[in-house]
Amino acid sequence: MSIKIAGSTKGTIEEAVQDIKTQLGGLETRMLLFFASSSHAPEAISAQMQEAFAGATVFGCSTAGEIISGRMLNGSVVAMAFDGKSIKDVKVEVVERLKEGVSVEGAFSSFEKHFGEPVSVMDHDKYVGIVLVDGLSGSEETLIDKVGDLTNVTFIGGSAGDDLKFEATHVYADGRSYSDAALLVLLKPGTRFTFIKTQSFCDRGKRLVVSKANEETREVIEFNGKPAADAYAEALGIPVGEAPERFMHNPVGLIIEGEPYVRSPQRIKEGRMAFYCGVTEGMELSLLESTDIVADTAQALAKAKAELGGISGVINFNCILRTLELNQKKLTEQYGALFADVPTIGFSTYGEQYIGHINQTATMLVFK
């Protein structure tokens, strides 16, 4: 069984693809997952990666930064290749026109035909899903909810980025590029796997109940019966004008069994607070405070390694806000070093998926 990684910082798509192909030479690739900076033309990078690995199932997305064992990069392409023993089977489905309404039934019908069994009874210890979604579609909550209604197989993934331009993000499959779309990928690995969700926040013990919201636009109008921005600033003990400076270090979260599922504020406008993640009226959120990303991630990796008895590969969906915080605290090299001895690829995302849609979290799929 073999899982191999490759990365390239070459300036052109042709050079980067050839560089990755050379690094992965000798492996009979069954499946190739890649993450590419938005500096690479979407249609060209997808087409050339598929052409370079013509006999494999190839898919990926655009990023806001790339991760490969030991390093956090920008402007690069990173890839993970699996042979036929590490991935027994894989099926990729593209769900298009998300903004017109999310429908996953067709994708799941295709999964059932391909694998020869109903998705509703698939063994979640033998199958796992990856989801990559247009990070500007605003459709992640609906997509993940619909997936969860149809199967007990865990889908984990991230929202594609575009290097903080917030203009267009892309997912890649079958040599094509898609926007306003998501990839649902169902895998049957040839080895055991587990998951990591680490968000590096503690609960400050202050509650903010969403008393009025525009759920469609992910805006909170009121917390605790007060204008949202006023209530948030009051919980922090600061003037409203200083509130945006605290978004990264003091988001809010839904606490489930002691674990925070983070909702990150995006901006304040006329007393309202817009979020990167869905909020609903009546939701009780807790004010959070950032802790030690490096230490928390090291602990999570150690736990996963102990559970599996070793790690052959990690796919890391790491929130762009975590990346920015690491940069701000000058911890980028320390974070990258955690994965130096573990075959890892990943990217800085515009949102993370694991059970639901969350923010300021790293969700990881870990293979033994």
Protein backbone atom coordinates (compact mmCIF):
# COMPACT_ATOMS: atom_id res chain seq x y z
CA MET A 1 0.00 0.00 0.00
CA SER A 2 1.30 3.45 -0.86
CA ILE A 3 0.29 7.08 -0.35
CA LYS A 4 2.71 9.65 -1.77
CA ILE A 5 2.76 13.45 -1.72
CA ALA A 6 4.24 16.07 -4.01
CA GLY A 7 4.34 19.85 -4.18
CA SER A 8 5.60 22.45 -6.59
CA THR A 9 6.26 26.17 -6.45
CA LYS A 10 7.14 26.36 -10.15
CA GLY A 11 5.82 29.50 -11.81
CA THR A 12 3.86 28.06 -14.72
CA ILE A 13 1.17 25.39 -14.76
CA GLU A 14 3.15 23.28 -17.21
CA GLU A 15 6.23 23.35 -14.98
CA ALA A 16 4.27 22.71 -11.77
CA VAL A 17 2.35 19.75 -13.22
CA GLN A 18 5.48 18.19 -14.67
CA ASP A 19 7.28 18.70 -11.35
CA ILE A 20 4.51 16.89 -9.47
CA LYS A 21 4.37 14.10 -12.05
CA THR A 22 8.12 13.58 -11.72
CA GLN A 23 7.94 13.46 -7.91
CA LEU A 24 5.18 10.86 -8.05
CA GLY A 25 6.92 8.75 -10.66
CA GLY A 26 6.93 5.04 -9.99
CA LEU A 27 3.52 4.99 -8.30
CA GLU A 28 0.60 3.49 -10.17
CA THR A 29 -1.83 6.22 -9.15
CA ARG A 30 -5.47 5.22 -8.65
CA MET A 31 -6.62 8.54 -7.16
CA LEU A 32 -5.00 11.98 -7.08
CA LEU A 33 -6.19 14.84 -4.88
CA PHE A 34 -4.66 18.28 -5.47
CA PHE A 35 -4.95 21.79 -4.10
CA ALA A 36 -3.79 24.73 -6.22
CA SER A 37 -3.33 28.43 -5.64
CA SER A 38 -5.82 30.63 -7.45
CA SER A 39 -2.83 32.17 -9.25
CA HIS A 40 -3.08 29.16 -11.58
CA ALA A 41 -5.77 29.45 -14.27
CA PRO A 42 -8.64 27.16 -13.18
CA GLU A 43 -9.47 25.40 -16.44
CA ALA A 44 -5.80 24.92 -17.33
CA ILE A 45 -4.68 23.47 -13.99
CA SER A 46 -7.58 21.01 -13.89
CA ALA A 47 -7.10 19.91 -17.49
CA GLN A 48 -3.35 19.48 -17.21
CA MET A 49 -3.48 17.60 -13.90
CA GLN A 50 -6.01 15.18 -15.38
CA GLU A 51 -3.91 14.75 -18.52
CA ALA A 52 -0.76 14.09 -16.47
CA PHE A 53 -2.54 11.35 -14.48
CA ALA A 54 -4.83 10.09 -17.23
CA GLY A 55 -5.51 6.70 -15.69
CA ALA A 56 -6.48 8.07 -12.27
CA THR A 57 -9.47 9.75 -10.65
CA VAL A 58 -8.24 13.34 -10.29
CA PHE A 59 -9.99 16.08 -8.32
CA GLY A 60 -9.22 19.14 -6.17
CA CYS A 61 -9.91 22.82 -5.65
CA SER A 62 -8.47 26.35 -5.50
CA THR A 63 -7.04 27.62 -2.23
CA ALA A 64 -6.10 30.51 0.02
CA GLY A 65 -2.74 28.87 0.75
CA GLU A 66 -1.37 25.35 0.52
CA ILE A 67 -0.02 22.87 3.07
CA ILE A 68 2.49 20.07 2.49
CA SER A 69 4.50 18.08 5.03
CA GLY A 70 6.57 20.56 7.03
CA ARG A 71 5.56 23.69 5.12
CA MET A 72 2.76 26.20 4.62
CA LEU A 73 2.95 27.70 1.14
CA ASN A 74 1.40 30.27 -1.17
CA GLY A 75 1.23 30.21 -4.95
CA SER A 76 1.90 26.49 -5.17
CA VAL A 77 0.27 23.19 -6.13
CA VAL A 78 0.25 20.24 -3.71
CA ALA A 79 -0.97 16.72 -4.41
CA MET A 80 -1.54 13.37 -2.73
CA ALA A 81 -1.52 10.20 -4.79
CA PHE A 82 -3.04 6.86 -3.76
CA ASP A 83 -2.38 3.49 -5.34
CA GLY A 84 -4.97 0.74 -5.81
CA LYS A 85 -4.24 -0.80 -2.43
CA SER A 86 -4.61 2.44 -0.43
CA ILE A 87 -7.88 3.32 -2.21
CA LYS A 88 -9.93 0.30 -3.27
CA ASP A 89 -12.58 2.38 -5.02
CA VAL A 90 -13.63 6.01 -5.53
CA LYS A 91 -16.48 7.90 -7.20
CA VAL A 92 -16.62 11.66 -7.77
CA GLU A 93 -19.89 13.51 -8.31
CA VAL A 94 -20.28 17.20 -9.20
CA VAL A 95 -23.24 19.04 -7.71
CA GLU A 96 -23.80 22.18 -9.80
CA ARG A 97 -25.85 25.39 -9.57
CA LEU A 98 -25.83 25.48 -5.78
CA LYS A 99 -27.34 28.96 -5.61
CA GLU A 100 -30.43 27.74 -7.46
CA GLY A 101 -31.03 25.08 -4.82
CA VAL A 102 -28.96 22.22 -3.47
CA SER A 103 -29.86 18.70 -4.60
CA VAL A 104 -27.66 15.70 -3.80
CA GLU A 105 -30.06 12.88 -4.65
CA GLY A 106 -28.62 12.41 -8.14
CA ALA A 107 -25.09 12.15 -6.75
CA PHE A 108 -26.12 9.57 -4.17
CA SER A 109 -28.04 7.55 -6.74
CA SER A 110 -24.83 7.43 -8.76
CA PHE A 111 -22.89 6.29 -5.68
CA GLU A 112 -25.36 3.44 -5.14
CA LYS A 113 -25.04 2.25 -8.74
CA HIS A 114 -21.25 2.44 -8.62
CA PHE A 115 -20.71 0.69 -5.29
CA GLY A 116 -23.65 -1.68 -5.58
CA GLU A 117 -25.27 -0.95 -2.23
CA PRO A 118 -27.60 1.68 -0.73
CA VAL A 119 -25.78 4.66 0.78
CA SER A 120 -28.16 4.50 3.73
CA VAL A 121 -26.65 1.19 4.89
CA MET A 122 -23.00 1.75 3.96
CA ASP A 123 -20.59 0.93 6.78
CA HIS A 124 -19.10 4.20 8.05
CA ASP A 125 -15.96 2.31 9.06
CA LYS A 126 -15.37 1.17 5.46
CA TYR A 127 -16.43 4.25 3.50
CA VAL A 128 -15.58 7.94 3.89
CA GLY A 129 -16.58 11.04 1.95
CA ILE A 130 -14.68 14.16 0.94
CA VAL A 131 -16.55 17.36 0.14
CA LEU A 132 -15.02 20.33 -1.67
CA VAL A 133 -17.33 23.27 -2.26
CA ASP A 134 -17.24 26.72 -3.83
CA GLY A 135 -16.26 28.87 -0.83
CA LEU A 136 -18.31 31.84 -2.04
CA SER A 137 -21.54 29.94 -2.67
CA GLY A 138 -22.95 30.26 0.87
CA SER A 139 -24.44 26.80 0.40
CA GLU A 140 -22.35 24.69 2.77
CA GLU A 141 -24.93 24.27 5.55
CA THR A 142 -27.66 23.10 3.20
CA LEU A 143 -25.28 20.78 1.36
CA ILE A 144 -23.98 19.07 4.50
CA ASP A 145 -27.46 18.79 5.99
CA LYS A 146 -28.75 17.05 2.87
CA VAL A 147 -25.77 14.69 2.81
CA GLY A 148 -26.35 13.83 6.46
CA ASP A 149 -30.01 13.04 5.78
CA LEU A 150 -29.04 10.31 3.29
CA THR A 151 -26.09 8.50 4.86
CA ASN A 152 -24.18 7.75 8.04
CA VAL A 153 -20.90 7.86 6.12
CA THR A 154 -18.85 10.82 7.36
CA PHE A 155 -18.10 13.55 4.82
CA ILE A 156 -15.22 15.85 5.68
CA GLY A 157 -13.70 18.69 3.68
CA GLY A 158 -13.32 22.37 3.04
CA SER A 159 -14.58 25.38 1.12
CA ALA A 160 -12.36 26.42 -1.80
CA GLY A 161 -10.49 29.72 -1.57
CA ASP A 162 -9.02 32.32 -3.91
CA ASP A 163 -6.12 33.79 -1.91
CA LEU A 164 -8.37 36.28 -0.10
CA LYS A 165 -9.54 38.01 -3.29
CA PHE A 166 -13.14 36.84 -2.65
CA GLU A 167 -13.92 36.98 -6.36
CA ALA A 168 -14.26 33.38 -7.56
CA THR A 169 -13.37 29.96 -6.18
CA HIS A 170 -13.20 26.70 -8.08
CA VAL A 171 -13.50 22.94 -7.65
CA TYR A 172 -11.83 20.59 -10.11
CA ALA A 173 -12.89 17.20 -11.49
CA ASP A 174 -12.60 15.25 -14.75
CA GLY A 175 -10.22 17.86 -16.16
CA ARG A 176 -12.78 20.64 -15.77
CA SER A 177 -13.24 23.60 -13.45
CA TYR A 178 -16.53 24.43 -11.71
CA SER A 179 -17.86 27.39 -9.73
CA ASP A 180 -21.17 27.54 -7.84
CA ALA A 181 -20.62 23.81 -7.39
CA ALA A 182 -19.45 21.16 -4.97
CA LEU A 183 -17.64 17.85 -5.31
CA LEU A 184 -18.96 14.91 -3.34
CA VAL A 185 -16.37 12.14 -3.35
CA LEU A 186 -17.08 8.71 -1.88
CA LEU A 187 -14.02 6.60 -1.05
CA LYS A 188 -13.51 3.00 -0.05
CA PRO A 189 -10.03 3.11 1.52
CA GLY A 190 -7.84 0.04 1.76
CA THR A 191 -6.77 1.01 5.26
CA ARG A 192 -8.27 2.28 8.50
CA PHE A 193 -8.93 5.98 8.93
CA THR A 194 -10.01 8.49 11.55
CA PHE A 195 -10.80 12.20 11.84
CA ILE A 196 -9.37 15.23 13.58
CA LYS A 197 -11.34 18.36 14.45
CA THR A 198 -9.30 20.92 16.33
CA GLN A 199 -10.34 24.53 16.82
CA SER A 200 -8.07 25.85 19.61
CA PHE A 201 -10.62 27.92 21.55
CA CYS A 202 -11.88 28.01 25.10
CA ASP A 203 -15.30 29.08 26.34
CA ARG A 204 -15.27 32.45 28.14
CA GLY A 205 -18.57 31.62 29.81
CA LYS A 206 -20.61 34.42 28.25
CA ARG A 207 -23.72 33.52 26.26
CA LEU A 208 -25.09 35.30 23.20
CA VAL A 209 -28.52 34.07 22.12
CA VAL A 210 -29.53 34.86 18.54
CA SER A 211 -32.82 36.66 19.12
CA LYS A 212 -33.19 37.99 15.56
CA ALA A 213 -31.41 36.91 12.39
CA ASN A 214 -31.47 36.93 8.63
CA GLU A 215 -30.57 33.28 8.19
CA GLU A 216 -30.32 33.48 4.41
CA THR A 217 -27.51 36.07 4.54
CA ARG A 218 -25.87 34.64 7.71
CA GLU A 219 -26.53 37.91 9.55
CA VAL A 220 -27.35 38.30 13.24
CA ILE A 221 -29.52 41.35 13.82
CA GLU A 222 -29.87 40.95 17.59
CA PHE A 223 -28.12 39.04 20.36
CA ASN A 224 -29.93 38.85 23.72
CA GLY A 225 -32.55 41.32 22.44
CA LYS A 226 -29.93 44.00 21.70
CA PRO A 227 -28.29 45.10 18.45
CA ALA A 228 -25.85 42.32 17.66
CA ALA A 229 -22.71 44.45 17.56
CA ASP A 230 -23.60 46.15 20.86
CA ALA A 231 -24.19 42.81 22.62
CA TYR A 232 -20.97 41.31 21.26
CA ALA A 233 -18.90 44.34 22.33
CA GLU A 234 -20.58 44.37 25.74
CA ALA A 235 -19.66 40.71 26.28
CA LEU A 236 -16.03 41.60 25.58
CA GLY A 237 -16.14 44.81 27.64
CA ILE A 238 -14.99 46.99 24.75
CA PRO A 239 -16.43 49.81 22.60
CA VAL A 240 -18.31 48.71 19.48
CA GLY A 241 -15.72 50.43 17.30
CA GLU A 242 -13.05 47.99 18.51
CA ALA A 243 -15.14 44.87 17.97
CA PRO A 244 -13.88 43.95 14.46
CA GLU A 245 -10.32 43.82 15.81
CA ARG A 246 -11.39 40.97 18.09
CA PHE A 247 -13.15 38.77 15.52
CA MET A 248 -10.16 36.48 14.94
CA HIS A 249 -9.35 35.93 18.61
CA ASN A 250 -12.91 36.05 19.96
CA PRO A 251 -15.41 34.37 17.65
CA VAL A 252 -18.50 32.66 18.99
CA GLY A 253 -19.38 29.00 19.00
CA LEU A 254 -22.14 26.48 19.43
CA ILE A 255 -21.09 24.21 22.31
CA ILE A 256 -21.99 20.54 21.79
CA GLU A 257 -20.86 18.04 24.43
CA GLY A 258 -18.20 20.46 25.56
CA GLU A 259 -16.81 21.00 22.05
CA PRO A 260 -17.14 24.38 20.30
CA TYR A 261 -18.35 24.50 16.71
CA VAL A 262 -17.11 27.92 15.68
CA ARG A 263 -19.05 30.68 13.94
CA SER A 264 -16.67 33.45 12.86
CA PRO A 265 -17.82 37.07 12.53
CA GLN A 266 -17.05 38.65 9.18
CA ARG A 267 -18.10 42.29 9.49
CA ILE A 268 -20.37 44.78 11.26
CA LYS A 269 -22.81 46.89 9.29
CA GLU A 270 -25.41 49.14 10.89
CA GLY A 271 -25.27 47.22 14.14
CA ARG A 272 -25.70 43.83 12.47
CA MET A 273 -23.03 41.13 12.42
CA ALA A 274 -22.44 39.04 9.33
CA PHE A 275 -20.85 35.61 9.79
CA TYR A 276 -18.88 33.17 7.65
CA CYS A 277 -21.11 30.37 8.89
CA GLY A 278 -24.82 29.84 9.35
CA VAL A 279 -26.68 31.19 12.38
CA THR A 280 -30.30 30.58 13.28
CA GLU A 281 -32.76 32.34 15.57
CA GLY A 282 -32.80 30.84 19.03
CA MET A 283 -29.24 29.49 18.71
CA GLU A 284 -27.27 29.91 21.94
CA LEU A 285 -23.68 30.81 21.20
CA SER A 286 -20.74 31.14 23.56
CA LEU A 287 -18.06 33.80 23.42
CA LEU A 288 -14.76 32.07 22.68
CA GLU A 289 -11.10 32.95 23.11
CA SER A 290 -8.19 31.60 21.09
CA THR A 291 -5.67 29.30 22.75
CA ASP A 292 -2.55 27.53 21.42
CA ILE A 293 -3.09 26.25 17.86
CA VAL A 294 0.28 24.51 17.71
CA ALA A 295 -0.09 22.67 21.02
CA ASP A 296 -3.70 21.66 20.30
CA THR A 297 -2.82 20.34 16.86
CA ALA A 298 0.18 18.40 18.20
CA GLN A 299 -2.06 16.76 20.79
CA ALA A 300 -4.71 15.90 18.18
CA LEU A 301 -2.14 14.34 15.85
CA ALA A 302 -0.66 12.28 18.68
CA LYS A 303 -4.11 11.01 19.62
CA ALA A 304 -4.89 10.02 16.02
CA LYS A 305 -1.53 8.25 15.67
CA ALA A 306 -2.15 6.31 18.88
CA GLU A 307 -5.66 5.34 17.76
CA LEU A 308 -4.50 4.04 14.37
CA GLY A 309 -1.09 2.74 15.40
CA GLY A 310 0.63 4.94 12.81
CA ILE A 311 -0.20 7.46 10.06
CA SER A 312 0.42 7.05 6.33
CA GLY A 313 -1.36 10.22 5.19
CA VAL A 314 -3.21 13.32 6.37
CA ILE A 315 -5.52 15.64 4.40
CA ASN A 316 -5.73 18.92 6.32
CA PHE A 317 -8.57 21.40 5.73
CA ASN A 318 -7.28 24.39 7.72
CA CYS A 319 -9.31 27.60 8.06
CA ILE A 320 -7.75 30.69 6.49
CA LEU A 321 -8.40 32.55 9.75
CA ARG A 322 -6.19 30.01 11.56
CA THR A 323 -3.52 30.57 8.92
CA LEU A 324 -3.75 34.34 9.41
CA GLU A 325 -3.53 33.92 13.18
CA LEU A 326 -0.47 31.71 12.82
CA ASN A 327 1.11 34.36 10.60
CA GLN A 328 0.24 37.10 13.07
CA LYS A 329 1.77 35.16 15.97
CA LYS A 330 4.80 34.08 13.87
CA LEU A 331 3.94 30.41 14.40
CA THR A 332 3.68 29.31 10.76
CA GLU A 333 6.94 27.36 10.78
CA GLN A 334 6.09 25.67 14.07
CA TYR A 335 2.69 24.60 12.79
CA GLY A 336 4.13 23.28 9.53
CA ALA A 337 6.80 21.37 11.43
CA LEU A 338 4.11 19.31 13.20
CA PHE A 339 3.54 17.51 9.89
CA ALA A 340 7.19 17.24 8.83
CA ASP A 341 7.33 13.48 9.37
CA VAL A 342 3.76 12.77 8.26
CA PRO A 343 2.77 12.62 4.56
CA THR A 344 0.39 15.59 4.51
CA ILE A 345 -1.31 17.91 2.06
CA GLY A 346 -3.97 20.50 2.74
CA PHE A 347 -5.09 24.02 2.10
CA SER A 348 -6.28 27.20 3.79
CA THR A 349 -10.06 27.11 3.43
CA TYR A 350 -13.00 29.50 3.44
CA GLY A 351 -14.85 27.12 5.77
CA GLU A 352 -14.59 23.55 7.02
CA GLN A 353 -16.95 20.61 6.90
CA TYR A 354 -17.21 17.85 9.49
CA ILE A 355 -20.70 16.78 10.56
CA GLY A 356 -21.72 20.39 9.87
CA HIS A 357 -20.21 23.57 8.40
CA ILE A 358 -17.84 25.37 10.79
CA ASN A 359 -15.19 28.08 10.92
CA GLN A 360 -11.74 28.66 12.45
CA THR A 361 -11.19 24.93 12.65
CA ALA A 362 -8.90 22.34 11.11
CA THR A 363 -10.72 19.22 9.99
CA MET A 364 -8.47 16.35 8.90
CA LEU A 365 -8.88 12.97 7.33
CA VAL A 366 -6.16 10.67 8.65
CA PHE A 367 -5.16 7.32 7.12
CA LYS A 368 -3.28 4.55 8.92
